[in-house]
Amino acid sequence: LGEIAVQGDYPADFTVTNTGDAPLEISKVRTSCMCTLAEIMIGDTKSMEFNMDMPMGNYDYIAARKWKGVIEPGQSATVRVIYKPHLMPVQGSVSRNVKFSTNDPNNSVVELGIHATVK
């Protein structure tokens, strides 16, 4: 994300493409910090916002644990990681990640990372 200010929301998009011949399931989406959110767009459908893998505040932990997305063969999805440094203010070098599970035996857990320097 480069150099960023504490105020603001900073998105980064990642593309996940199903190059196989069976539907690819994504589930158990979780982030490394309460200041980081994730959402998945498959076609015209956007998931809920995901956060840390724990029940807190108004975050619907149960719905997040039950959510499952399906990417059909040849289709792509966008995983948007949204870093909100104002929720847990820090300065300097920051790394955050999003992890999710899949039904692909060669990639059963996928981790995507972002990095920023907060000024």
Protein backbone atom coordinates (compact mmCIF):
# COMPACT_ATOMS: atom_id res chain seq x y z
CA LEU A 1 0.00 0.00 0.00
CA GLY A 2 3.03 2.29 0.23
CA GLU A 3 3.06 5.28 2.55
CA ILE A 4 -0.34 6.02 4.07
CA ALA A 5 -1.89 8.25 6.74
CA VAL A 6 -3.53 6.89 9.89
CA GLN A 7 -6.91 8.27 8.75
CA GLY A 8 -8.56 6.56 5.83
CA ASP A 9 -9.40 3.14 4.47
CA TYR A 10 -6.88 1.50 2.15
CA PRO A 11 -8.07 -1.35 -0.12
CA ALA A 12 -5.94 -3.85 -2.01
CA ASP A 13 -7.51 -6.28 -4.50
CA PHE A 14 -6.29 -9.80 -5.23
CA THR A 15 -7.62 -12.05 -8.00
CA VAL A 16 -8.28 -15.74 -7.38
CA THR A 17 -8.91 -17.76 -10.55
CA ASN A 18 -10.22 -21.30 -10.65
CA THR A 19 -8.01 -22.99 -13.26
CA GLY A 20 -9.32 -26.45 -12.36
CA ASP A 21 -12.25 -28.44 -13.69
CA ALA A 22 -14.36 -28.50 -10.51
CA PRO A 23 -15.93 -25.75 -8.39
CA LEU A 24 -13.48 -24.08 -5.99
CA GLU A 25 -14.94 -23.42 -2.54
CA ILE A 26 -13.68 -20.60 -0.33
CA SER A 27 -14.54 -20.57 3.37
CA LYS A 28 -13.25 -19.66 6.83
CA VAL A 29 -12.11 -16.17 5.79
CA ARG A 30 -10.30 -14.37 8.59
CA THR A 31 -7.92 -11.44 9.04
CA SER A 32 -4.90 -10.96 11.26
CA CYS A 33 -6.14 -7.82 13.03
CA MET A 34 -9.36 -5.97 13.87
CA CYS A 35 -8.06 -3.10 11.73
CA THR A 36 -8.14 -5.29 8.62
CA LEU A 37 -11.28 -6.43 6.82
CA ALA A 38 -11.82 -8.66 3.81
CA GLU A 39 -14.64 -9.18 1.36
CA ILE A 40 -14.94 -11.50 -1.62
CA MET A 41 -16.65 -10.67 -4.89
CA ILE A 42 -17.68 -13.58 -7.09
CA GLY A 43 -19.44 -12.34 -10.20
CA ASP A 44 -21.97 -9.72 -9.07
CA THR A 45 -22.20 -11.14 -5.55
CA LYS A 46 -20.28 -9.56 -2.68
CA SER A 47 -19.76 -11.39 0.60
CA MET A 48 -20.14 -9.96 4.04
CA GLU A 49 -17.10 -8.19 5.50
CA PHE A 50 -14.82 -10.59 7.33
CA ASN A 51 -12.60 -9.77 10.28
CA MET A 52 -10.57 -11.63 12.90
CA ASP A 53 -11.59 -15.16 13.72
CA MET A 54 -13.26 -14.26 17.02
CA PRO A 55 -16.60 -12.90 18.23
CA MET A 56 -16.41 -9.15 18.98
CA GLY A 57 -18.77 -6.17 18.93
CA ASN A 58 -21.44 -6.38 16.21
CA TYR A 59 -19.33 -8.69 14.06
CA ASP A 60 -21.47 -11.70 13.13
CA TYR A 61 -18.94 -14.40 13.92
CA ILE A 62 -21.41 -17.25 13.32
CA ALA A 63 -22.39 -16.00 9.86
CA ALA A 64 -18.71 -15.51 8.97
CA ARG A 65 -17.87 -19.09 9.99
CA LYS A 66 -20.79 -20.46 7.93
CA TRP A 67 -20.13 -18.40 4.77
CA LYS A 68 -18.91 -20.27 1.70
CA GLY A 69 -18.20 -18.90 -1.76
CA VAL A 70 -17.97 -20.98 -4.93
CA ILE A 71 -15.82 -20.08 -7.92
CA GLU A 72 -16.78 -22.12 -10.97
CA PRO A 73 -14.09 -23.50 -13.33
CA GLY A 74 -12.64 -20.68 -15.44
CA GLN A 75 -14.22 -18.02 -13.21
CA SER A 76 -12.32 -15.51 -11.06
CA ALA A 77 -13.10 -13.83 -7.76
CA THR A 78 -11.72 -10.67 -6.20
CA VAL A 79 -10.53 -10.73 -2.60
CA ARG A 80 -10.49 -7.17 -1.30
CA VAL A 81 -8.35 -6.54 1.76
CA ILE A 82 -9.20 -3.25 3.48
CA TYR A 83 -6.72 -1.83 5.97
CA LYS A 84 -8.15 0.77 8.38
CA PRO A 85 -5.20 2.00 10.47
CA HIS A 86 -7.37 4.46 12.42
CA LEU A 87 -9.05 1.51 14.18
CA MET A 88 -5.76 0.51 15.86
CA PRO A 89 -3.37 3.43 15.31
CA VAL A 90 0.28 2.53 14.81
CA GLN A 91 3.14 4.18 12.97
CA GLY A 92 5.86 2.73 10.83
CA SER A 93 6.02 -0.54 8.95
CA VAL A 94 2.85 -2.64 9.17
CA SER A 95 2.00 -6.03 7.66
CA ARG A 96 -1.47 -7.59 7.80
CA ASN A 97 -2.94 -10.68 6.20
CA VAL A 98 -6.10 -12.47 5.20
CA LYS A 99 -6.37 -16.25 5.25
CA PHE A 100 -9.04 -18.50 3.85
CA SER A 101 -9.60 -22.20 3.36
CA THR A 102 -10.36 -23.92 0.06
CA ASN A 103 -11.35 -27.39 -1.08
CA ASP A 104 -8.20 -27.55 -3.27
CA PRO A 105 -5.99 -30.24 -1.71
CA ASN A 106 -2.86 -28.47 -3.04
CA ASN A 107 -3.90 -25.08 -1.60
CA SER A 108 -6.10 -25.86 1.37
CA VAL A 109 -5.18 -22.59 3.11
CA VAL A 110 -4.38 -19.40 1.19
CA GLU A 111 -2.76 -16.36 2.81
CA LEU A 112 -2.71 -12.92 1.17
CA GLY A 113 -0.63 -10.13 2.66
CA ILE A 114 -0.46 -6.37 2.54
CA HIS A 115 2.24 -3.99 3.74
CA ALA A 116 2.16 -0.26 4.44
CA THR A 117 4.23 2.42 6.08
CA VAL A 118 1.91 4.43 8.31
CA LYS A 119 2.94 8.07 8.75
